[in-house]
Amino acid sequence: MSKQVDLDLLRQFSPLDSLKPENLVALVKKSRLHSLQAGRSLFKEGDTDKRAIYLVKGDIELRSKDKIIKTISSNTTESLHALAPVLPRKISARALNHVEYLTVDSDLLDVLLTWDQTGSYEVGDLQTDARNESDDWMTKLLQTKALYNIPAANIQAMFMRMEQVNKKAGDIIIKQGDEGDYFYVIVSGRCAVTRETPLNEDGIKLAELRIGDTFGEEALISEAKRNATVKMLTDGSLMRLSKEQFQILLKEPMLNLLDIEKAKEQVQNGAQWLDVRLPSEYGNSHLDNSINIPLYFIRLKLKTLNTETKYIACCDTGRRSSAAAYILTERGFNCSVLKDGLNMSGIK
C-alpha cells in the first residue's frame, strides 16, 4: 500500500532537507509513502530501480544472501540517509515489524540538487520580468526527461544564455515551413500548436502549451524546417535559446568522462578524488582518500585547490560532478568526471 507524502516528511531526510521550497514541492509529486508488514521486503539484492529509499517508521535488517549485515531503526542518524543507494543494490532489506518507508525519484532528486547548487549563484542574472512565475517554468523544465542526460553545467549555461521575449495574444512565434532559429520555453501565458494540411490551410490544432512547456527543438535537432505553427493564445513571456547555443549546449555536451577503471588508474598515478556532494552525504559514505567540497562551495574554495593536481569529480550520478568539473575547467584546473557517478560504479 502506498500514499502521497507531504513536505514536512521530505524535509526530515538528507539531502532532501537542503532543497529550495519550490523544488521540494516538485519532488513531492514523485514521492510515495509505503507500508509493509513484518517479514516483507523493501528491496532485494540486484534491484536497479532508480528510487531513493528512506526508513520512516519501524525496524529493518539488511542482508547479503543469508548473512545479516546490520539492523536499522527509524529516528536514528543512519535512517536519515537513503538505504543502499548503490545500483544494482548489493544487499536486501526486510521489515522486522510494521514498517513505513519513503521512495523518491532519485533521477529527479539529483537534477533538483544540481540546479539548486549551480543556479543559486547566477539565476538572478536572468532577464525575466515574470519573477513570480520563474520558479514554475524552471522546475517544470528541469523535470523533462530529455535533460536528464545533459551535463548539469550545460543546463546551467542554457538558463544563463536564454533571452526573454514578451508576446501578445495572436502573435506567431514559429511558422510551419520556416527554418529553425530558436528553442523556446513558456514562462507565462498559453500557446496553440497547429499544423496545416492540404485539406485544412487554417491548421489543425495539435496541442495547447502552458508554463514550462518547450517547443522548437525538433527543427534544431533534425536540421529540418518547422513542422508546425505555434501562436500565442494569451499575452505571455517566453525564454528562447539560439540555434547556435542549442547545438553547443544541448546537442554536443562535452566533458571528460572516465569510467571507473580508468578513474582508479589515474588515482593510482596521483589524481585526486573530489567528492562534490553535501557534507551529510559524504559523511554517510565516501571513497577513501577523497576530499569533499560541496558543489555550492566550489567557487569559494578555488584557492584551496592545486592547479597542478588532476582532479576526478564524483557524486552519486555524475550530474553535480559534471557541473563542478565545468566550473573548475573554466578556471584552468584539470578536472574529469566519474562517468555515471558513485551509485552506478558500485564503489561507494
C-alpha atoms as a PDB file:
ATOM      1  CA  MET A   1       0.000   0.000   0.000  1.00  0.00           C
ATOM      2  CA  SER A   2       1.280   3.483  -0.810  1.00  0.00           C
ATOM      3  CA  LYS A   3       0.099   7.070  -0.447  1.00  0.00           C
ATOM      4  CA  GLN A   4       1.200  10.585  -1.220  1.00  0.00           C
ATOM      5  CA  VAL A   5       3.631  12.409   1.054  1.00  0.00           C
ATOM      6  CA  ASP A   6       3.845  15.949   2.401  1.00  0.00           C
ATOM      7  CA  LEU A   7       6.674  18.473   2.532  1.00  0.00           C
ATOM      8  CA  ASP A   8       7.291  18.031   6.253  1.00  0.00           C
ATOM      9  CA  LEU A   9       8.086  14.360   5.763  1.00  0.00           C
ATOM     10  CA  LEU A  10      10.557  15.016   2.933  1.00  0.00           C
ATOM     11  CA  ARG A  11      12.337  17.663   4.996  1.00  0.00           C
ATOM     12  CA  GLN A  12      13.284  15.042   7.582  1.00  0.00           C
ATOM     13  CA  PHE A  13      15.780  13.307   5.286  1.00  0.00           C
ATOM     14  CA  SER A  14      19.155  14.068   3.707  1.00  0.00           C
ATOM     15  CA  PRO A  15      19.823  15.596   1.213  1.00  0.00           C
ATOM     16  CA  LEU A  16      16.132  16.443   0.669  1.00  0.00           C
ATOM     17  CA  ASP A  17      16.327  18.906   3.557  1.00  0.00           C
ATOM     18  CA  SER A  18      18.706  21.099   1.528  1.00  0.00           C
ATOM     19  CA  LEU A  19      16.316  21.680  -1.402  1.00  0.00           C
ATOM     20  CA  LYS A  20      14.669  25.019  -2.063  1.00  0.00           C
ATOM     21  CA  PRO A  21      10.922  25.023  -1.212  1.00  0.00           C
ATOM     22  CA  GLU A  22       9.795  25.200  -4.837  1.00  0.00           C
ATOM     23  CA  ASN A  23      11.946  22.201  -5.792  1.00  0.00           C
ATOM     24  CA  LEU A  24      10.771  20.246  -2.767  1.00  0.00           C
ATOM     25  CA  VAL A  25       7.202  20.822  -3.952  1.00  0.00           C
ATOM     26  CA  ALA A  26       8.143  19.334  -7.334  1.00  0.00           C
ATOM     27  CA  LEU A  27       9.691  16.321  -5.614  1.00  0.00           C
ATOM     28  CA  VAL A  28       6.521  15.635  -3.600  1.00  0.00           C
ATOM     29  CA  LYS A  29       4.803  14.613  -6.825  1.00  0.00           C
ATOM     30  CA  LYS A  30       7.471  11.945  -7.433  1.00  0.00           C
ATOM     31  CA  SER A  31       7.484  10.516  -3.899  1.00  0.00           C
ATOM     32  CA  ARG A  32       5.368   7.880  -2.166  1.00  0.00           C
ATOM     33  CA  LEU A  33       4.966   6.550   1.371  1.00  0.00           C
ATOM     34  CA  HIS A  34       4.672   2.760   1.616  1.00  0.00           C
ATOM     35  CA  SER A  35       3.824   0.391   4.466  1.00  0.00           C
ATOM     36  CA  LEU A  36       4.901  -3.231   4.967  1.00  0.00           C
ATOM     37  CA  GLN A  37       4.227  -5.968   7.483  1.00  0.00           C
ATOM     38  CA  ALA A  38       6.985  -7.900   9.261  1.00  0.00           C
ATOM     39  CA  GLY A  39       8.891 -10.287   7.008  1.00  0.00           C
ATOM     40  CA  ARG A  40       8.222  -8.409   3.764  1.00  0.00           C
ATOM     41  CA  SER A  41      10.995  -6.941   1.599  1.00  0.00           C
ATOM     42  CA  LEU A  42      11.612  -3.234   0.964  1.00  0.00           C
ATOM     43  CA  PHE A  43      14.048  -4.094  -1.828  1.00  0.00           C
ATOM     44  CA  LYS A  44      16.140  -7.037  -2.910  1.00  0.00           C
ATOM     45  CA  GLU A  45      19.766  -7.602  -3.844  1.00  0.00           C
ATOM     46  CA  GLY A  46      20.263  -6.782  -7.533  1.00  0.00           C
ATOM     47  CA  ASP A  47      17.454  -4.194  -7.581  1.00  0.00           C
ATOM     48  CA  THR A  48      18.120  -1.463 -10.191  1.00  0.00           C
ATOM     49  CA  ASP A  49      15.095   0.795  -9.642  1.00  0.00           C
ATOM     50  CA  LYS A  50      16.147   4.430  -9.547  1.00  0.00           C
ATOM     51  CA  ARG A  51      14.488   5.206  -6.233  1.00  0.00           C
ATOM     52  CA  ALA A  52      15.982   6.711  -3.099  1.00  0.00           C
ATOM     53  CA  ILE A  53      14.520   4.731  -0.175  1.00  0.00           C
ATOM     54  CA  TYR A  54      14.247   6.141   3.364  1.00  0.00           C
ATOM     55  CA  LEU A  55      13.070   4.372   6.540  1.00  0.00           C
ATOM     56  CA  VAL A  56      10.255   6.374   8.167  1.00  0.00           C
ATOM     57  CA  LYS A  57       8.933   4.018  10.838  1.00  0.00           C
ATOM     58  CA  GLY A  58       9.916   0.655  12.298  1.00  0.00           C
ATOM     59  CA  ASP A  59      12.983  -1.568  12.107  1.00  0.00           C
ATOM     60  CA  ILE A  60      14.638  -3.353   9.197  1.00  0.00           C
ATOM     61  CA  GLU A  61      17.517  -5.723   8.667  1.00  0.00           C
ATOM     62  CA  LEU A  62      19.954  -5.528   5.781  1.00  0.00           C
ATOM     63  CA  ARG A  63      21.097  -8.871   4.405  1.00  0.00           C
ATOM     64  CA  SER A  64      23.571 -10.138   1.836  1.00  0.00           C
ATOM     65  CA  LYS A  65      22.487 -13.593   0.752  1.00  0.00           C
ATOM     66  CA  ASP A  66      21.890 -15.412   4.073  1.00  0.00           C
ATOM     67  CA  LYS A  67      24.061 -13.147   6.210  1.00  0.00           C
ATOM     68  CA  ILE A  68      22.615 -10.326   8.325  1.00  0.00           C
ATOM     69  CA  ILE A  69      24.780  -7.231   7.894  1.00  0.00           C
ATOM     70  CA  LYS A  70      23.026  -4.826  10.271  1.00  0.00           C
ATOM     71  CA  THR A  71      19.695  -3.622  11.580  1.00  0.00           C
ATOM     72  CA  ILE A  72      18.452  -0.054  11.213  1.00  0.00           C
ATOM     73  CA  SER A  73      15.744   1.668  13.218  1.00  0.00           C
ATOM     74  CA  SER A  74      13.733   4.743  12.298  1.00  0.00           C
ATOM     75  CA  ASN A  75      14.516   8.032  14.032  1.00  0.00           C
ATOM     76  CA  THR A  76      18.231   7.301  14.101  1.00  0.00           C
ATOM     77  CA  THR A  77      21.017   9.183  12.344  1.00  0.00           C
ATOM     78  CA  GLU A  78      21.524   6.283   9.959  1.00  0.00           C
ATOM     79  CA  SER A  79      17.873   6.330   8.902  1.00  0.00           C
ATOM     80  CA  LEU A  80      18.150   9.933   7.712  1.00  0.00           C
ATOM     81  CA  HIS A  81      20.061   8.759   4.632  1.00  0.00           C
ATOM     82  CA  ALA A  82      18.927   6.685   1.661  1.00  0.00           C
ATOM     83  CA  LEU A  83      19.221   2.931   2.156  1.00  0.00           C
ATOM     84  CA  ALA A  84      21.670   1.072  -0.102  1.00  0.00           C
ATOM     85  CA  PRO A  85      21.884   3.762  -2.810  1.00  0.00           C
ATOM     86  CA  VAL A  86      24.441   1.921  -4.966  1.00  0.00           C
ATOM     87  CA  LEU A  87      22.865   0.297  -8.045  1.00  0.00           C
ATOM     88  CA  PRO A  88      22.420  -2.533  -8.597  1.00  0.00           C
ATOM     89  CA  ARG A  89      21.780  -2.906  -4.874  1.00  0.00           C
ATOM     90  CA  LYS A  90      24.277  -5.209  -3.191  1.00  0.00           C
ATOM     91  CA  ILE A  91      22.019  -6.075  -0.268  1.00  0.00           C
ATOM     92  CA  SER A  92      18.370  -6.791   0.552  1.00  0.00           C
ATOM     93  CA  ALA A  93      16.179  -5.129   3.187  1.00  0.00           C
ATOM     94  CA  ARG A  94      13.495  -6.927   5.205  1.00  0.00           C
ATOM     95  CA  ALA A  95      10.948  -5.500   7.655  1.00  0.00           C
ATOM     96  CA  LEU A  96      11.323  -6.766  11.241  1.00  0.00           C
ATOM     97  CA  ASN A  97       7.977  -5.285  12.297  1.00  0.00           C
ATOM     98  CA  HIS A  98       5.412  -2.939  10.806  1.00  0.00           C
ATOM     99  CA  VAL A  99       7.435  -0.576   8.618  1.00  0.00           C
ATOM    100  CA  GLU A 100       6.792   2.617   6.719  1.00  0.00           C
ATOM    101  CA  TYR A 101       9.271   3.768   4.107  1.00  0.00           C
ATOM    102  CA  LEU A 102       9.578   6.622   1.644  1.00  0.00           C
ATOM    103  CA  THR A 103      10.537   6.283  -2.037  1.00  0.00           C
ATOM    104  CA  VAL A 104      11.751   9.270  -4.064  1.00  0.00           C
ATOM    105  CA  ASP A 105      12.557   9.509  -7.774  1.00  0.00           C
ATOM    106  CA  SER A 106      16.357   9.580  -7.491  1.00  0.00           C
ATOM    107  CA  ASP A 107      16.876  10.980 -11.001  1.00  0.00           C
ATOM    108  CA  LEU A 108      14.657  13.969 -10.315  1.00  0.00           C
ATOM    109  CA  LEU A 109      16.199  14.447  -6.870  1.00  0.00           C
ATOM    110  CA  ASP A 110      19.655  14.640  -8.367  1.00  0.00           C
ATOM    111  CA  VAL A 111      18.570  17.098 -11.072  1.00  0.00           C
ATOM    112  CA  LEU A 112      16.968  19.384  -8.470  1.00  0.00           C
ATOM    113  CA  LEU A 113      20.007  19.177  -6.182  1.00  0.00           C
ATOM    114  CA  THR A 114      22.226  20.107  -9.096  1.00  0.00           C
ATOM    115  CA  TRP A 115      20.121  23.089 -10.113  1.00  0.00           C
ATOM    116  CA  ASP A 116      19.859  24.283  -6.501  1.00  0.00           C
ATOM    117  CA  GLN A 117      23.623  24.247  -6.147  1.00  0.00           C
ATOM    118  CA  THR A 118      24.589  25.702  -9.527  1.00  0.00           C
ATOM    119  CA  GLY A 119      21.800  28.130 -10.309  1.00  0.00           C
ATOM    120  CA  SER A 120      21.840  29.898  -6.951  1.00  0.00           C
ATOM    121  CA  TYR A 121      24.894  31.939  -7.923  1.00  0.00           C
ATOM    122  CA  GLU A 122      23.698  33.311 -11.209  1.00  0.00           C
ATOM    123  CA  VAL A 123      19.964  32.830 -11.550  1.00  0.00           C
ATOM    124  CA  GLY A 124      19.468  36.489 -10.584  1.00  0.00           C
ATOM    125  CA  ASP A 125      21.106  37.436 -13.866  1.00  0.00           C
ATOM    126  CA  LEU A 126      18.213  36.009 -15.886  1.00  0.00           C
ATOM    127  CA  GLN A 127      16.476  38.865 -17.681  1.00  0.00           C
ATOM    128  CA  THR A 128      12.885  37.958 -16.887  1.00  0.00           C
ATOM    129  CA  ASP A 129      10.137  40.246 -15.646  1.00  0.00           C
ATOM    130  CA  ALA A 130       7.994  37.282 -14.574  1.00  0.00           C
ATOM    131  CA  ARG A 131       9.852  36.656 -11.309  1.00  0.00           C
ATOM    132  CA  ASN A 132       6.858  35.187  -9.529  1.00  0.00           C
ATOM    133  CA  GLU A 133       6.488  32.551 -12.248  1.00  0.00           C
ATOM    134  CA  SER A 134      10.162  31.862 -12.996  1.00  0.00           C
ATOM    135  CA  ASP A 135      10.422  29.047 -10.472  1.00  0.00           C
ATOM    136  CA  ASP A 136       7.447  27.274 -12.059  1.00  0.00           C
ATOM    137  CA  TRP A 137       8.866  27.161 -15.579  1.00  0.00           C
ATOM    138  CA  MET A 138      12.393  26.317 -14.430  1.00  0.00           C
ATOM    139  CA  THR A 139      11.236  23.493 -12.175  1.00  0.00           C
ATOM    140  CA  LYS A 140       8.987  22.006 -14.841  1.00  0.00           C
ATOM    141  CA  LEU A 141      11.741  22.220 -17.449  1.00  0.00           C
ATOM    142  CA  LEU A 142      14.211  20.507 -15.123  1.00  0.00           C
ATOM    143  CA  GLN A 143      11.813  17.574 -14.777  1.00  0.00           C
ATOM    144  CA  THR A 144      11.950  16.958 -18.533  1.00  0.00           C
ATOM    145  CA  LYS A 145      13.479  13.521 -19.062  1.00  0.00           C
ATOM    146  CA  ALA A 146      15.341  14.772 -22.134  1.00  0.00           C
ATOM    147  CA  LEU A 147      17.503  16.962 -19.881  1.00  0.00           C
ATOM    148  CA  TYR A 148      18.495  14.124 -17.555  1.00  0.00           C
ATOM    149  CA  ASN A 149      21.381  13.106 -19.810  1.00  0.00           C
ATOM    150  CA  ILE A 150      22.664  16.649 -20.366  1.00  0.00           C
ATOM    151  CA  PRO A 151      25.558  17.664 -18.078  1.00  0.00           C
ATOM    152  CA  ALA A 152      24.373  19.962 -15.326  1.00  0.00           C
ATOM    153  CA  ALA A 153      26.902  22.600 -16.364  1.00  0.00           C
ATOM    154  CA  ASN A 154      25.304  22.753 -19.808  1.00  0.00           C
ATOM    155  CA  ILE A 155      21.849  23.124 -18.276  1.00  0.00           C
ATOM    156  CA  GLN A 156      23.117  25.981 -16.146  1.00  0.00           C
ATOM    157  CA  ALA A 157      24.696  27.680 -19.163  1.00  0.00           C
ATOM    158  CA  MET A 158      21.466  27.202 -21.106  1.00  0.00           C
ATOM    159  CA  PHE A 159      19.500  29.126 -18.484  1.00  0.00           C
ATOM    160  CA  MET A 160      22.068  31.908 -18.373  1.00  0.00           C
ATOM    161  CA  ARG A 161      22.173  32.369 -22.160  1.00  0.00           C
ATOM    162  CA  MET A 162      18.440  32.431 -22.735  1.00  0.00           C
ATOM    163  CA  GLU A 163      16.755  35.729 -23.552  1.00  0.00           C
ATOM    164  CA  GLN A 164      13.222  36.790 -22.740  1.00  0.00           C
ATOM    165  CA  VAL A 165      10.674  37.860 -25.352  1.00  0.00           C
ATOM    166  CA  ASN A 166       7.246  39.246 -24.452  1.00  0.00           C
ATOM    167  CA  LYS A 167       4.379  38.465 -26.805  1.00  0.00           C
ATOM    168  CA  LYS A 168       0.732  39.401 -27.298  1.00  0.00           C
ATOM    169  CA  ALA A 169      -2.252  37.142 -27.921  1.00  0.00           C
ATOM    170  CA  GLY A 170      -2.306  36.202 -31.616  1.00  0.00           C
ATOM    171  CA  ASP A 171       1.425  36.630 -32.193  1.00  0.00           C
ATOM    172  CA  ILE A 172       3.001  33.820 -34.234  1.00  0.00           C
ATOM    173  CA  ILE A 173       6.168  32.525 -32.592  1.00  0.00           C
ATOM    174  CA  ILE A 174       7.206  29.951 -35.191  1.00  0.00           C
ATOM    175  CA  LYS A 175       5.600  29.227 -38.548  1.00  0.00           C
ATOM    176  CA  GLN A 176       5.320  25.910 -40.302  1.00  0.00           C
ATOM    177  CA  GLY A 177       7.847  25.663 -43.154  1.00  0.00           C
ATOM    178  CA  ASP A 178      10.291  28.231 -41.760  1.00  0.00           C
ATOM    179  CA  GLU A 179      13.897  27.447 -40.876  1.00  0.00           C
ATOM    180  CA  GLY A 180      14.579  26.669 -37.220  1.00  0.00           C
ATOM    181  CA  ASP A 181      16.220  29.502 -35.314  1.00  0.00           C
ATOM    182  CA  TYR A 182      15.346  29.214 -31.597  1.00  0.00           C
ATOM    183  CA  PHE A 183      14.403  26.761 -28.846  1.00  0.00           C
ATOM    184  CA  TYR A 184      11.581  28.137 -26.643  1.00  0.00           C
ATOM    185  CA  VAL A 185      10.257  27.695 -23.105  1.00  0.00           C
ATOM    186  CA  ILE A 186       6.991  29.247 -21.945  1.00  0.00           C
ATOM    187  CA  VAL A 187       7.416  31.446 -18.851  1.00  0.00           C
ATOM    188  CA  SER A 188       3.847  32.749 -18.744  1.00  0.00           C
ATOM    189  CA  GLY A 189       0.758  32.515 -20.923  1.00  0.00           C
ATOM    190  CA  ARG A 190      -0.502  29.811 -23.284  1.00  0.00           C
ATOM    191  CA  CYS A 191       0.276  28.828 -26.906  1.00  0.00           C
ATOM    192  CA  ALA A 192      -1.507  26.750 -29.539  1.00  0.00           C
ATOM    193  CA  VAL A 193       0.298  24.315 -31.835  1.00  0.00           C
ATOM    194  CA  THR A 194      -1.317  23.852 -35.258  1.00  0.00           C
ATOM    195  CA  ARG A 195      -0.354  22.093 -38.473  1.00  0.00           C
ATOM    196  CA  GLU A 196      -1.546  22.960 -41.956  1.00  0.00           C
ATOM    197  CA  THR A 197      -2.696  20.151 -44.263  1.00  0.00           C
ATOM    198  CA  PRO A 198      -3.765  20.144 -47.913  1.00  0.00           C
ATOM    199  CA  LEU A 199      -7.367  19.941 -46.731  1.00  0.00           C
ATOM    200  CA  ASN A 200      -7.096  22.495 -43.938  1.00  0.00           C
ATOM    201  CA  GLU A 201      -4.981  25.578 -44.575  1.00  0.00           C
ATOM    202  CA  ASP A 202      -6.093  27.175 -41.320  1.00  0.00           C
ATOM    203  CA  GLY A 203      -4.375  24.368 -39.469  1.00  0.00           C
ATOM    204  CA  ILE A 204      -5.418  21.511 -37.216  1.00  0.00           C
ATOM    205  CA  LYS A 205      -4.869  22.181 -33.521  1.00  0.00           C
ATOM    206  CA  LEU A 206      -2.385  19.627 -32.209  1.00  0.00           C
ATOM    207  CA  ALA A 207      -1.778  20.839 -28.678  1.00  0.00           C
ATOM    208  CA  GLU A 208      -2.040  23.664 -26.181  1.00  0.00           C
ATOM    209  CA  LEU A 209       1.170  24.588 -24.349  1.00  0.00           C
ATOM    210  CA  ARG A 210       1.465  26.131 -20.887  1.00  0.00           C
ATOM    211  CA  ILE A 211       4.107  27.352 -18.417  1.00  0.00           C
ATOM    212  CA  GLY A 212       7.250  25.221 -18.573  1.00  0.00           C
ATOM    213  CA  ASP A 213       6.409  23.565 -21.882  1.00  0.00           C
ATOM    214  CA  THR A 214       9.054  23.716 -24.615  1.00  0.00           C
ATOM    215  CA  PHE A 215       8.898  23.837 -28.389  1.00  0.00           C
ATOM    216  CA  GLY A 216      11.116  24.411 -31.413  1.00  0.00           C
ATOM    217  CA  GLU A 217      13.727  21.772 -30.689  1.00  0.00           C
ATOM    218  CA  GLU A 218      12.716  19.280 -33.362  1.00  0.00           C
ATOM    219  CA  ALA A 219      13.802  21.507 -36.257  1.00  0.00           C
ATOM    220  CA  LEU A 220      17.079  22.329 -34.500  1.00  0.00           C
ATOM    221  CA  ILE A 221      17.919  18.691 -33.807  1.00  0.00           C
ATOM    222  CA  SER A 222      16.946  17.391 -37.229  1.00  0.00           C
ATOM    223  CA  GLU A 223      18.185  20.461 -39.182  1.00  0.00           C
ATOM    224  CA  ALA A 224      14.794  20.430 -40.883  1.00  0.00           C
ATOM    225  CA  LYS A 225      12.116  23.089 -41.402  1.00  0.00           C
ATOM    226  CA  ARG A 226       9.453  23.805 -38.793  1.00  0.00           C
ATOM    227  CA  ASN A 227       6.764  21.129 -38.918  1.00  0.00           C
ATOM    228  CA  ALA A 228       4.071  23.160 -37.135  1.00  0.00           C
ATOM    229  CA  THR A 229       2.987  26.702 -36.267  1.00  0.00           C
ATOM    230  CA  VAL A 230       2.947  27.974 -32.674  1.00  0.00           C
ATOM    231  CA  LYS A 231       0.781  31.004 -31.862  1.00  0.00           C
ATOM    232  CA  MET A 232       0.118  32.837 -28.602  1.00  0.00           C
ATOM    233  CA  LEU A 233      -3.387  32.251 -27.227  1.00  0.00           C
ATOM    234  CA  THR A 234      -2.859  34.860 -24.492  1.00  0.00           C
ATOM    235  CA  ASP A 235      -0.374  37.562 -23.661  1.00  0.00           C
ATOM    236  CA  GLY A 236       2.752  35.968 -22.251  1.00  0.00           C
ATOM    237  CA  SER A 237       6.523  35.680 -21.998  1.00  0.00           C
ATOM    238  CA  LEU A 238       8.938  33.171 -23.499  1.00  0.00           C
ATOM    239  CA  MET A 239      12.586  32.355 -22.901  1.00  0.00           C
ATOM    240  CA  ARG A 240      14.492  31.412 -26.035  1.00  0.00           C
ATOM    241  CA  LEU A 241      17.895  29.920 -26.811  1.00  0.00           C
ATOM    242  CA  SER A 242      19.558  30.497 -30.179  1.00  0.00           C
ATOM    243  CA  LYS A 243      20.170  27.636 -32.579  1.00  0.00           C
ATOM    244  CA  GLU A 244      23.934  28.003 -32.155  1.00  0.00           C
ATOM    245  CA  GLN A 245      23.765  27.797 -28.357  1.00  0.00           C
ATOM    246  CA  PHE A 246      21.281  24.933 -28.540  1.00  0.00           C
ATOM    247  CA  GLN A 247      23.701  22.957 -30.702  1.00  0.00           C
ATOM    248  CA  ILE A 248      26.623  23.586 -28.357  1.00  0.00           C
ATOM    249  CA  LEU A 249      24.901  23.128 -25.011  1.00  0.00           C
ATOM    250  CA  LEU A 250      22.254  20.509 -25.674  1.00  0.00           C
ATOM    251  CA  LYS A 251      23.347  18.620 -28.777  1.00  0.00           C
ATOM    252  CA  GLU A 252      27.061  18.492 -28.216  1.00  0.00           C
ATOM    253  CA  PRO A 253      27.725  18.412 -24.459  1.00  0.00           C
ATOM    254  CA  MET A 254      31.422  17.868 -23.966  1.00  0.00           C
ATOM    255  CA  LEU A 255      33.064  16.754 -20.730  1.00  0.00           C
ATOM    256  CA  ASN A 256      35.972  14.441 -19.986  1.00  0.00           C
ATOM    257  CA  LEU A 257      34.157  11.382 -18.626  1.00  0.00           C
ATOM    258  CA  LEU A 258      36.108   8.489 -17.104  1.00  0.00           C
ATOM    259  CA  ASP A 259      34.786   5.004 -16.427  1.00  0.00           C
ATOM    260  CA  ILE A 260      35.602   3.531 -13.039  1.00  0.00           C
ATOM    261  CA  GLU A 261      38.619   1.520 -14.155  1.00  0.00           C
ATOM    262  CA  LYS A 262      40.230   4.482 -15.891  1.00  0.00           C
ATOM    263  CA  ALA A 263      39.465   6.712 -12.911  1.00  0.00           C
ATOM    264  CA  LYS A 264      41.060   4.245 -10.476  1.00  0.00           C
ATOM    265  CA  GLU A 265      44.128   4.012 -12.672  1.00  0.00           C
ATOM    266  CA  GLN A 266      44.514   7.790 -12.690  1.00  0.00           C
ATOM    267  CA  VAL A 267      44.083   7.969  -8.907  1.00  0.00           C
ATOM    268  CA  GLN A 268      46.866   5.399  -8.505  1.00  0.00           C
ATOM    269  CA  ASN A 269      49.005   7.677 -10.649  1.00  0.00           C
ATOM    270  CA  GLY A 270      48.404  10.721  -8.474  1.00  0.00           C
ATOM    271  CA  ALA A 271      44.959  12.059  -9.365  1.00  0.00           C
ATOM    272  CA  GLN A 272      42.699  13.195  -6.509  1.00  0.00           C
ATOM    273  CA  TRP A 273      39.070  12.185  -5.923  1.00  0.00           C
ATOM    274  CA  LEU A 274      36.925  15.318  -5.453  1.00  0.00           C
ATOM    275  CA  ASP A 275      33.544  14.482  -3.911  1.00  0.00           C
ATOM    276  CA  VAL A 276      31.119  17.352  -4.547  1.00  0.00           C
ATOM    277  CA  ARG A 277      28.117  16.021  -2.629  1.00  0.00           C
ATOM    278  CA  LEU A 278      26.734  17.626   0.520  1.00  0.00           C
ATOM    279  CA  PRO A 279      28.664  17.062   3.777  1.00  0.00           C
ATOM    280  CA  SER A 280      25.832  14.892   5.115  1.00  0.00           C
ATOM    281  CA  GLU A 281      26.038  12.621   2.061  1.00  0.00           C
ATOM    282  CA  TYR A 282      29.824  12.490   2.222  1.00  0.00           C
ATOM    283  CA  GLY A 283      29.774  11.726   5.942  1.00  0.00           C
ATOM    284  CA  ASN A 284      27.425   8.824   5.394  1.00  0.00           C
ATOM    285  CA  SER A 285      29.605   7.158   2.735  1.00  0.00           C
ATOM    286  CA  HIS A 286      32.614   8.187   0.636  1.00  0.00           C
ATOM    287  CA  LEU A 287      35.693   6.966  -1.197  1.00  0.00           C
ATOM    288  CA  ASP A 288      38.938   6.530   0.691  1.00  0.00           C
ATOM    289  CA  ASN A 289      41.369   9.448   0.290  1.00  0.00           C
ATOM    290  CA  SER A 290      38.746  11.671  -1.305  1.00  0.00           C
ATOM    291  CA  ILE A 291      38.263  15.302  -0.417  1.00  0.00           C
ATOM    292  CA  ASN A 292      34.828  16.859  -0.009  1.00  0.00           C
ATOM    293  CA  ILE A 293      33.975  20.265  -1.434  1.00  0.00           C
ATOM    294  CA  PRO A 294      30.206  20.576  -1.985  1.00  0.00           C
ATOM    295  CA  LEU A 295      29.223  21.882  -5.388  1.00  0.00           C
ATOM    296  CA  TYR A 296      27.675  25.034  -3.960  1.00  0.00           C
ATOM    297  CA  PHE A 297      31.049  25.791  -2.286  1.00  0.00           C
ATOM    298  CA  ILE A 298      33.325  25.150  -5.277  1.00  0.00           C
ATOM    299  CA  ARG A 299      33.722  28.773  -6.331  1.00  0.00           C
ATOM    300  CA  LEU A 300      34.559  29.841  -2.784  1.00  0.00           C
ATOM    301  CA  LYS A 301      37.188  27.121  -2.345  1.00  0.00           C
ATOM    302  CA  LEU A 302      39.149  27.553  -5.576  1.00  0.00           C
ATOM    303  CA  LYS A 303      42.213  28.810  -3.685  1.00  0.00           C
ATOM    304  CA  THR A 304      42.396  25.556  -1.698  1.00  0.00           C
ATOM    305  CA  LEU A 305      42.823  23.518  -4.894  1.00  0.00           C
ATOM    306  CA  ASN A 306      46.087  22.948  -6.730  1.00  0.00           C
ATOM    307  CA  THR A 307      46.246  23.768 -10.430  1.00  0.00           C
ATOM    308  CA  GLU A 308      48.974  21.120 -10.783  1.00  0.00           C
ATOM    309  CA  THR A 309      46.741  18.336  -9.451  1.00  0.00           C
ATOM    310  CA  LYS A 310      44.447  16.286 -11.658  1.00  0.00           C
ATOM    311  CA  TYR A 311      41.021  16.032 -10.028  1.00  0.00           C
ATOM    312  CA  ILE A 312      38.299  13.470 -10.670  1.00  0.00           C
ATOM    313  CA  ALA A 313      34.968  14.908  -9.571  1.00  0.00           C
ATOM    314  CA  CYS A 314      32.379  12.451  -8.273  1.00  0.00           C
ATOM    315  CA  CYS A 315      28.847  12.452  -6.900  1.00  0.00           C
ATOM    316  CA  ASP A 316      26.000   9.932  -6.869  1.00  0.00           C
ATOM    317  CA  THR A 317      25.099  10.105 -10.560  1.00  0.00           C
ATOM    318  CA  GLY A 318      27.600  12.360 -12.330  1.00  0.00           C
ATOM    319  CA  ARG A 319      25.365  15.412 -12.646  1.00  0.00           C
ATOM    320  CA  ARG A 320      26.742  17.539  -9.817  1.00  0.00           C
ATOM    321  CA  SER A 321      30.282  16.437 -10.581  1.00  0.00           C
ATOM    322  CA  SER A 322      29.776  17.483 -14.220  1.00  0.00           C
ATOM    323  CA  ALA A 323      28.847  20.957 -13.035  1.00  0.00           C
ATOM    324  CA  ALA A 324      31.867  21.090 -10.739  1.00  0.00           C
ATOM    325  CA  ALA A 325      34.216  19.952 -13.500  1.00  0.00           C
ATOM    326  CA  TYR A 326      32.822  22.606 -15.835  1.00  0.00           C
ATOM    327  CA  ILE A 327      33.419  25.328 -13.220  1.00  0.00           C
ATOM    328  CA  LEU A 328      36.958  24.142 -12.482  1.00  0.00           C
ATOM    329  CA  THR A 329      37.949  23.595 -16.095  1.00  0.00           C
ATOM    330  CA  GLU A 330      36.796  27.108 -16.987  1.00  0.00           C
ATOM    331  CA  ARG A 331      39.205  28.371 -14.332  1.00  0.00           C
ATOM    332  CA  GLY A 332      42.229  26.433 -15.523  1.00  0.00           C
ATOM    333  CA  PHE A 333      42.019  23.296 -13.379  1.00  0.00           C
ATOM    334  CA  ASN A 334      42.457  19.786 -14.758  1.00  0.00           C
ATOM    335  CA  CYS A 335      39.219  18.062 -13.774  1.00  0.00           C
ATOM    336  CA  SER A 336      37.498  14.963 -15.155  1.00  0.00           C
ATOM    337  CA  VAL A 337      34.199  13.352 -14.147  1.00  0.00           C
ATOM    338  CA  LEU A 338      33.460   9.836 -12.899  1.00  0.00           C
ATOM    339  CA  LYS A 339      31.065   8.572 -15.563  1.00  0.00           C
ATOM    340  CA  ASP A 340      27.595   7.672 -14.203  1.00  0.00           C
ATOM    341  CA  GLY A 341      28.660   8.533 -10.647  1.00  0.00           C
ATOM    342  CA  LEU A 342      29.264   6.545  -7.488  1.00  0.00           C
ATOM    343  CA  ASN A 343      25.925   4.756  -7.409  1.00  0.00           C
ATOM    344  CA  MET A 344      26.285   3.082 -10.793  1.00  0.00           C
ATOM    345  CA  SER A 345      30.016   2.451 -10.370  1.00  0.00           C
ATOM    346  CA  GLY A 346      29.358   0.416  -7.234  1.00  0.00           C
ATOM    347  CA  ILE A 347      32.404   1.691  -5.351  1.00  0.00           C
ATOM    348  CA  LYS A 348      30.846   3.849  -2.652  1.00  0.00           C
END
